[in-house]
Amino acid sequence: VPLAKVVDIKAVTYEPVNLHYPVLKDHN
């Protein structure tokens, strides 16, 4: 069954998330 109207599906782009983990040192 063809659709009565054209559905335009746009690609969603996600921006990368920068996660900052604490730097662990040996004495910590």
PDB file of all heavy atoms in Angstrom:
ATOM      1  N   VAL A   1       0.863  -1.168   0.000  1.00  0.00           N
ATOM      2  CA  VAL A   1       0.000   0.000   0.000  1.00  0.00           C
ATOM      3  C   VAL A   1       0.905   1.224   0.000  1.00  0.00           C
ATOM      4  O   VAL A   1       1.629   1.463   0.972  1.00  0.00           O
ATOM      5  CB  VAL A   1      -0.924   0.020   1.241  1.00  0.00           C
ATOM      6  CG1 VAL A   1      -1.793   1.260   1.237  1.00  0.00           C
ATOM      7  CG2 VAL A   1      -1.754  -1.240   1.287  1.00  0.00           C
ATOM      8  N   PRO A   2       0.906   1.991  -1.068  1.00  0.00           N
ATOM      9  CA  PRO A   2       1.777   3.171  -1.090  1.00  0.00           C
ATOM     10  C   PRO A   2       1.265   4.243  -0.132  1.00  0.00           C
ATOM     11  O   PRO A   2       0.064   4.358   0.116  1.00  0.00           O
ATOM     12  CB  PRO A   2       1.699   3.635  -2.543  1.00  0.00           C
ATOM     13  CG  PRO A   2       0.421   3.096  -3.047  1.00  0.00           C
ATOM     14  CD  PRO A   2       0.167   1.823  -2.303  1.00  0.00           C
ATOM     15  N   LEU A   3       2.180   5.000   0.402  1.00  0.00           N
ATOM     16  CA  LEU A   3       1.812   6.069   1.314  1.00  0.00           C
ATOM     17  C   LEU A   3       1.180   7.214   0.537  1.00  0.00           C
ATOM     18  O   LEU A   3       1.519   7.484  -0.612  1.00  0.00           O
ATOM     19  CB  LEU A   3       3.042   6.578   2.052  1.00  0.00           C
ATOM     20  CG  LEU A   3       3.710   5.582   2.990  1.00  0.00           C
ATOM     21  CD1 LEU A   3       4.986   6.167   3.557  1.00  0.00           C
ATOM     22  CD2 LEU A   3       2.767   5.234   4.125  1.00  0.00           C
ATOM     23  N   ALA A   4       0.255   7.898   1.171  1.00  0.00           N
ATOM     24  CA  ALA A   4      -0.418   9.007   0.512  1.00  0.00           C
ATOM     25  C   ALA A   4       0.483  10.233   0.449  1.00  0.00           C
ATOM     26  O   ALA A   4       0.353  11.062  -0.439  1.00  0.00           O
ATOM     27  CB  ALA A   4      -1.708   9.343   1.248  1.00  0.00           C
ATOM     28  N   LYS A   5       1.395  10.372   1.381  1.00  0.00           N
ATOM     29  CA  LYS A   5       2.301  11.510   1.356  1.00  0.00           C
ATOM     30  C   LYS A   5       3.723  10.998   1.524  1.00  0.00           C
ATOM     31  O   LYS A   5       3.967   9.908   2.037  1.00  0.00           O
ATOM     32  CB  LYS A   5       1.962  12.505   2.452  1.00  0.00           C
ATOM     33  CG  LYS A   5       2.085  11.934   3.849  1.00  0.00           C
ATOM     34  CD  LYS A   5       1.750  12.963   4.889  1.00  0.00           C
ATOM     35  CE  LYS A   5       1.948  12.362   6.281  1.00  0.00           C
ATOM     36  NZ  LYS A   5       1.741  13.329   7.318  1.00  0.00           N
ATOM     37  N   VAL A   6       4.641  11.820   1.111  1.00  0.00           N
ATOM     38  CA  VAL A   6       6.051  11.460   1.186  1.00  0.00           C
ATOM     39  C   VAL A   6       6.567  11.805   2.576  1.00  0.00           C
ATOM     40  O   VAL A   6       6.358  12.919   3.062  1.00  0.00           O
ATOM     41  CB  VAL A   6       6.865  12.208   0.109  1.00  0.00           C
ATOM     42  CG1 VAL A   6       8.333  11.906   0.246  1.00  0.00           C
ATOM     43  CG2 VAL A   6       6.353  11.849  -1.262  1.00  0.00           C
ATOM     44  N   VAL A   7       7.198  10.869   3.206  1.00  0.00           N
ATOM     45  CA  VAL A   7       7.764  11.089   4.530  1.00  0.00           C
ATOM     46  C   VAL A   7       9.266  11.246   4.358  1.00  0.00           C
ATOM     47  O   VAL A   7       9.942  10.365   3.830  1.00  0.00           O
ATOM     48  CB  VAL A   7       7.444   9.900   5.470  1.00  0.00           C
ATOM     49  CG1 VAL A   7       8.094  10.103   6.817  1.00  0.00           C
ATOM     50  CG2 VAL A   7       5.949   9.729   5.593  1.00  0.00           C
ATOM     51  N   ASP A   8       9.762  12.394   4.799  1.00  0.00           N
ATOM     52  CA  ASP A   8      11.191  12.673   4.673  1.00  0.00           C
ATOM     53  C   ASP A   8      11.846  12.401   6.021  1.00  0.00           C
ATOM     54  O   ASP A   8      11.549  13.075   7.013  1.00  0.00           O
ATOM     55  CB  ASP A   8      11.395  14.126   4.243  1.00  0.00           C
ATOM     56  CG  ASP A   8      12.841  14.413   3.925  1.00  0.00           C
ATOM     57  OD1 ASP A   8      13.589  13.445   3.653  1.00  0.00           O
ATOM     58  OD2 ASP A   8      13.230  15.602   3.952  1.00  0.00           O
ATOM     59  N   ILE A   9      12.692  11.427   6.062  1.00  0.00           N
ATOM     60  CA  ILE A   9      13.383  11.062   7.294  1.00  0.00           C
ATOM     61  C   ILE A   9      14.773  11.658   7.230  1.00  0.00           C
ATOM     62  O   ILE A   9      15.557  11.352   6.330  1.00  0.00           O
ATOM     63  CB  ILE A   9      13.452   9.536   7.457  1.00  0.00           C
ATOM     64  CG1 ILE A   9      12.049   8.967   7.525  1.00  0.00           C
ATOM     65  CG2 ILE A   9      14.243   9.174   8.704  1.00  0.00           C
ATOM     66  CD1 ILE A   9      12.005   7.465   7.548  1.00  0.00           C
ATOM     67  N   LYS A  10      15.046  12.553   8.182  1.00  0.00           N
ATOM     68  CA  LYS A  10      16.353  13.205   8.221  1.00  0.00           C
ATOM     69  C   LYS A  10      17.243  12.491   9.220  1.00  0.00           C
ATOM     70  O   LYS A  10      16.790  12.072  10.286  1.00  0.00           O
ATOM     71  CB  LYS A  10      16.202  14.670   8.605  1.00  0.00           C
ATOM     72  CG  LYS A  10      15.429  15.466   7.572  1.00  0.00           C
ATOM     73  CD  LYS A  10      15.313  16.902   7.992  1.00  0.00           C
ATOM     74  CE  LYS A  10      14.512  17.662   6.945  1.00  0.00           C
ATOM     75  NZ  LYS A  10      14.310  19.050   7.319  1.00  0.00           N
ATOM     76  N   ALA A  11      18.483  12.397   8.864  1.00  0.00           N
ATOM     77  CA  ALA A  11      19.438  11.750   9.751  1.00  0.00           C
ATOM     78  C   ALA A  11      19.761  12.694  10.907  1.00  0.00           C
ATOM     79  O   ALA A  11      20.008  13.888  10.710  1.00  0.00           O
ATOM     80  CB  ALA A  11      20.705  11.387   9.001  1.00  0.00           C
ATOM     81  N   VAL A  12      19.735  12.181  12.108  1.00  0.00           N
ATOM     82  CA  VAL A  12      20.049  12.973  13.287  1.00  0.00           C
ATOM     83  C   VAL A  12      21.525  12.808  13.574  1.00  0.00           C
ATOM     84  O   VAL A  12      22.031  11.692  13.670  1.00  0.00           O
ATOM     85  CB  VAL A  12      19.201  12.507  14.489  1.00  0.00           C
ATOM     86  CG1 VAL A  12      19.555  13.302  15.734  1.00  0.00           C
ATOM     87  CG2 VAL A  12      17.732  12.633  14.170  1.00  0.00           C
ATOM     88  N   THR A  13      22.210  13.934  13.692  1.00  0.00           N
ATOM     89  CA  THR A  13      23.638  13.868  14.008  1.00  0.00           C
ATOM     90  C   THR A  13      23.831  14.250  15.459  1.00  0.00           C
ATOM     91  O   THR A  13      23.224  15.216  15.953  1.00  0.00           O
ATOM     92  CB  THR A  13      24.432  14.815  13.100  1.00  0.00           C
ATOM     93  OG1 THR A  13      23.935  16.140  13.259  1.00  0.00           O
ATOM     94  CG2 THR A  13      24.307  14.401  11.642  1.00  0.00           C
ATOM     95  N   TYR A  14      24.623  13.515  16.115  1.00  0.00           N
ATOM     96  CA  TYR A  14      24.925  13.773  17.520  1.00  0.00           C
ATOM     97  C   TYR A  14      26.347  14.293  17.617  1.00  0.00           C
ATOM     98  O   TYR A  14      27.258  13.806  16.947  1.00  0.00           O
ATOM     99  CB  TYR A  14      24.790  12.489  18.351  1.00  0.00           C
ATOM    100  CG  TYR A  14      23.384  11.947  18.386  1.00  0.00           C
ATOM    101  CD1 TYR A  14      23.015  10.861  17.619  1.00  0.00           C
ATOM    102  CD2 TYR A  14      22.429  12.539  19.196  1.00  0.00           C
ATOM    103  CE1 TYR A  14      21.722  10.371  17.660  1.00  0.00           C
ATOM    104  CE2 TYR A  14      21.143  12.046  19.238  1.00  0.00           C
ATOM    105  CZ  TYR A  14      20.795  10.966  18.468  1.00  0.00           C
ATOM    106  OH  TYR A  14      19.522  10.479  18.507  1.00  0.00           O
ATOM    107  N   GLU A  15      26.514  15.294  18.494  1.00  0.00           N
ATOM    108  CA  GLU A  15      27.861  15.802  18.725  1.00  0.00           C
ATOM    109  C   GLU A  15      28.524  14.925  19.771  1.00  0.00           C
ATOM    110  O   GLU A  15      27.874  14.466  20.721  1.00  0.00           O
ATOM    111  CB  GLU A  15      27.788  17.243  19.209  1.00  0.00           C
ATOM    112  CG  GLU A  15      27.232  18.178  18.159  1.00  0.00           C
ATOM    113  CD  GLU A  15      27.201  19.610  18.651  1.00  0.00           C
ATOM    114  OE1 GLU A  15      27.902  19.930  19.628  1.00  0.00           O
ATOM    115  OE2 GLU A  15      26.466  20.392  18.054  1.00  0.00           O
ATOM    116  N   PRO A  16      29.819  14.689  19.621  1.00  0.00           N
ATOM    117  CA  PRO A  16      30.492  13.832  20.605  1.00  0.00           C
ATOM    118  C   PRO A  16      30.557  14.527  21.970  1.00  0.00           C
ATOM    119  O   PRO A  16      30.704  15.732  22.076  1.00  0.00           O
ATOM    120  CB  PRO A  16      31.877  13.629  20.013  1.00  0.00           C
ATOM    121  CG  PRO A  16      32.067  14.751  19.064  1.00  0.00           C
ATOM    122  CD  PRO A  16      30.704  15.145  18.575  1.00  0.00           C
ATOM    123  N   VAL A  17      30.407  13.730  23.000  1.00  0.00           N
ATOM    124  CA  VAL A  17      30.457  14.233  24.376  1.00  0.00           C
ATOM    125  C   VAL A  17      31.848  13.943  24.910  1.00  0.00           C
ATOM    126  O   VAL A  17      32.315  12.805  24.889  1.00  0.00           O
ATOM    127  CB  VAL A  17      29.379  13.538  25.237  1.00  0.00           C
ATOM    128  CG1 VAL A  17      29.466  13.988  26.687  1.00  0.00           C
ATOM    129  CG2 VAL A  17      28.009  13.798  24.666  1.00  0.00           C
ATOM    130  N   ASN A  18      32.490  14.991  25.375  1.00  0.00           N
ATOM    131  CA  ASN A  18      33.833  14.825  25.942  1.00  0.00           C
ATOM    132  C   ASN A  18      33.703  14.604  27.447  1.00  0.00           C
ATOM    133  O   ASN A  18      33.176  15.455  28.169  1.00  0.00           O
ATOM    134  CB  ASN A  18      34.689  16.060  25.678  1.00  0.00           C
ATOM    135  CG  ASN A  18      34.980  16.216  24.197  1.00  0.00           C
ATOM    136  OD1 ASN A  18      35.089  15.226  23.485  1.00  0.00           O
ATOM    137  ND2 ASN A  18      35.097  17.455  23.731  1.00  0.00           N
ATOM    138  N   LEU A  19      34.129  13.471  27.896  1.00  0.00           N
ATOM    139  CA  LEU A  19      34.107  13.156  29.323  1.00  0.00           C
ATOM    140  C   LEU A  19      35.511  13.329  29.876  1.00  0.00           C
ATOM    141  O   LEU A  19      36.485  12.852  29.273  1.00  0.00           O
ATOM    142  CB  LEU A  19      33.624  11.723  29.543  1.00  0.00           C
ATOM    143  CG  LEU A  19      32.194  11.425  29.099  1.00  0.00           C
ATOM    144  CD1 LEU A  19      31.897   9.953  29.281  1.00  0.00           C
ATOM    145  CD2 LEU A  19      31.199  12.248  29.886  1.00  0.00           C
ATOM    146  N   HIS A  20      35.597  14.009  30.997  1.00  0.00           N
ATOM    147  CA  HIS A  20      36.904  14.254  31.620  1.00  0.00           C
ATOM    148  C   HIS A  20      36.982  13.418  32.895  1.00  0.00           C
ATOM    149  O   HIS A  20      36.277  13.686  33.867  1.00  0.00           O
ATOM    150  CB  HIS A  20      37.077  15.740  31.945  1.00  0.00           C
ATOM    151  CG  HIS A  20      37.008  16.610  30.732  1.00  0.00           C
ATOM    152  ND1 HIS A  20      38.020  16.666  29.800  1.00  0.00           N
ATOM    153  CD2 HIS A  20      36.028  17.440  30.265  1.00  0.00           C
ATOM    154  CE1 HIS A  20      37.689  17.503  28.838  1.00  0.00           C
ATOM    155  NE2 HIS A  20      36.473  17.983  29.089  1.00  0.00           N
ATOM    156  N   TYR A  21      37.789  12.400  32.837  1.00  0.00           N
ATOM    157  CA  TYR A  21      37.995  11.550  33.997  1.00  0.00           C
ATOM    158  C   TYR A  21      39.187  12.085  34.780  1.00  0.00           C
ATOM    159  O   TYR A  21      40.152  12.591  34.190  1.00  0.00           O
ATOM    160  CB  TYR A  21      38.260  10.106  33.563  1.00  0.00           C
ATOM    161  CG  TYR A  21      37.067   9.461  32.893  1.00  0.00           C
ATOM    162  CD1 TYR A  21      37.033   9.268  31.518  1.00  0.00           C
ATOM    163  CD2 TYR A  21      35.977   9.058  33.641  1.00  0.00           C
ATOM    164  CE1 TYR A  21      35.940   8.680  30.902  1.00  0.00           C
ATOM    165  CE2 TYR A  21      34.877   8.474  33.038  1.00  0.00           C
ATOM    166  CZ  TYR A  21      34.867   8.289  31.672  1.00  0.00           C
ATOM    167  OH  TYR A  21      33.786   7.715  31.082  1.00  0.00           O
ATOM    168  N   PRO A  22      39.129  11.944  36.091  1.00  0.00           N
ATOM    169  CA  PRO A  22      40.293  12.433  36.873  1.00  0.00           C
ATOM    170  C   PRO A  22      41.507  11.538  36.624  1.00  0.00           C
ATOM    171  O   PRO A  22      41.386  10.336  36.425  1.00  0.00           O
ATOM    172  CB  PRO A  22      39.823  12.338  38.324  1.00  0.00           C
ATOM    173  CG  PRO A  22      38.727  11.329  38.294  1.00  0.00           C
ATOM    174  CD  PRO A  22      38.095  11.428  36.946  1.00  0.00           C
ATOM    175  N   VAL A  23      42.639  12.181  36.589  1.00  0.00           N
ATOM    176  CA  VAL A  23      43.888  11.448  36.383  1.00  0.00           C
ATOM    177  C   VAL A  23      44.308  10.874  37.732  1.00  0.00           C
ATOM    178  O   VAL A  23      44.452  11.595  38.705  1.00  0.00           O
ATOM    179  CB  VAL A  23      44.983  12.376  35.822  1.00  0.00           C
ATOM    180  CG1 VAL A  23      46.283  11.613  35.648  1.00  0.00           C
ATOM    181  CG2 VAL A  23      44.524  12.983  34.514  1.00  0.00           C
ATOM    182  N   LEU A  24      44.480   9.587  37.784  1.00  0.00           N
ATOM    183  CA  LEU A  24      44.852   8.928  39.032  1.00  0.00           C
ATOM    184  C   LEU A  24      46.365   8.806  39.107  1.00  0.00           C
ATOM    185  O   LEU A  24      47.014   8.373  38.162  1.00  0.00           O
ATOM    186  CB  LEU A  24      44.199   7.551  39.112  1.00  0.00           C
ATOM    187  CG  LEU A  24      42.669   7.536  39.120  1.00  0.00           C
ATOM    188  CD1 LEU A  24      42.163   6.109  39.121  1.00  0.00           C
ATOM    189  CD2 LEU A  24      42.123   8.277  40.314  1.00  0.00           C
ATOM    190  N   LYS A  25      46.879   9.193  40.229  1.00  0.00           N
ATOM    191  CA  LYS A  25      48.314   9.067  40.454  1.00  0.00           C
ATOM    192  C   LYS A  25      48.527   7.947  41.463  1.00  0.00           C
ATOM    193  O   LYS A  25      47.617   7.568  42.195  1.00  0.00           O
ATOM    194  CB  LYS A  25      48.882  10.376  40.976  1.00  0.00           C
ATOM    195  CG  LYS A  25      48.609  11.518  40.010  1.00  0.00           C
ATOM    196  CD  LYS A  25      49.585  12.614  40.229  1.00  0.00           C
ATOM    197  CE  LYS A  25      49.218  13.785  39.393  1.00  0.00           C
ATOM    198  NZ  LYS A  25      49.655  14.236  38.349  1.00  0.00           N
ATOM    199  N   ASP A  26      49.709   7.447  41.497  1.00  0.00           N
ATOM    200  CA  ASP A  26      49.982   6.312  42.381  1.00  0.00           C
ATOM    201  C   ASP A  26      49.743   6.644  43.850  1.00  0.00           C
ATOM    202  O   ASP A  26      49.283   5.810  44.618  1.00  0.00           O
ATOM    203  CB  ASP A  26      51.422   5.843  42.198  1.00  0.00           C
ATOM    204  CG  ASP A  26      51.609   5.130  40.878  1.00  0.00           C
ATOM    205  OD1 ASP A  26      50.581   4.740  40.279  1.00  0.00           O
ATOM    206  OD2 ASP A  26      52.744   4.971  40.416  1.00  0.00           O
ATOM    207  N   HIS A  27      50.072   7.858  44.296  1.00  0.00           N
ATOM    208  CA  HIS A  27      49.903   8.171  45.711  1.00  0.00           C
ATOM    209  C   HIS A  27      48.437   8.399  46.072  1.00  0.00           C
ATOM    210  O   HIS A  27      48.095   8.449  47.238  1.00  0.00           O
ATOM    211  CB  HIS A  27      50.763   9.391  46.102  1.00  0.00           C
ATOM    212  CG  HIS A  27      50.332  10.672  45.449  1.00  0.00           C
ATOM    213  ND1 HIS A  27      50.721  11.008  44.179  1.00  0.00           N
ATOM    214  CD2 HIS A  27      49.543  11.680  45.903  1.00  0.00           C
ATOM    215  CE1 HIS A  27      50.192  12.182  43.858  1.00  0.00           C
ATOM    216  NE2 HIS A  27      49.477  12.605  44.896  1.00  0.00           N
ATOM    217  N   ASN A  28      47.532   8.557  45.073  1.00  0.00           N
ATOM    218  CA  ASN A  28      46.113   8.717  45.361  1.00  0.00           C
ATOM    219  C   ASN A  28      45.364   7.379  45.412  1.00  0.00           C
ATOM    220  O   ASN A  28      44.212   7.351  45.844  1.00  0.00           O
ATOM    221  CB  ASN A  28      45.438   9.587  44.303  1.00  0.00           C
ATOM    222  CG  ASN A  28      45.872  11.038  44.386  1.00  0.00           C
ATOM    223  OD1 ASN A  28      46.295  11.502  45.438  1.00  0.00           O
ATOM    224  ND2 ASN A  28      45.758  11.740  43.270  1.00  0.00           N
TER     225      ASN A  28
END
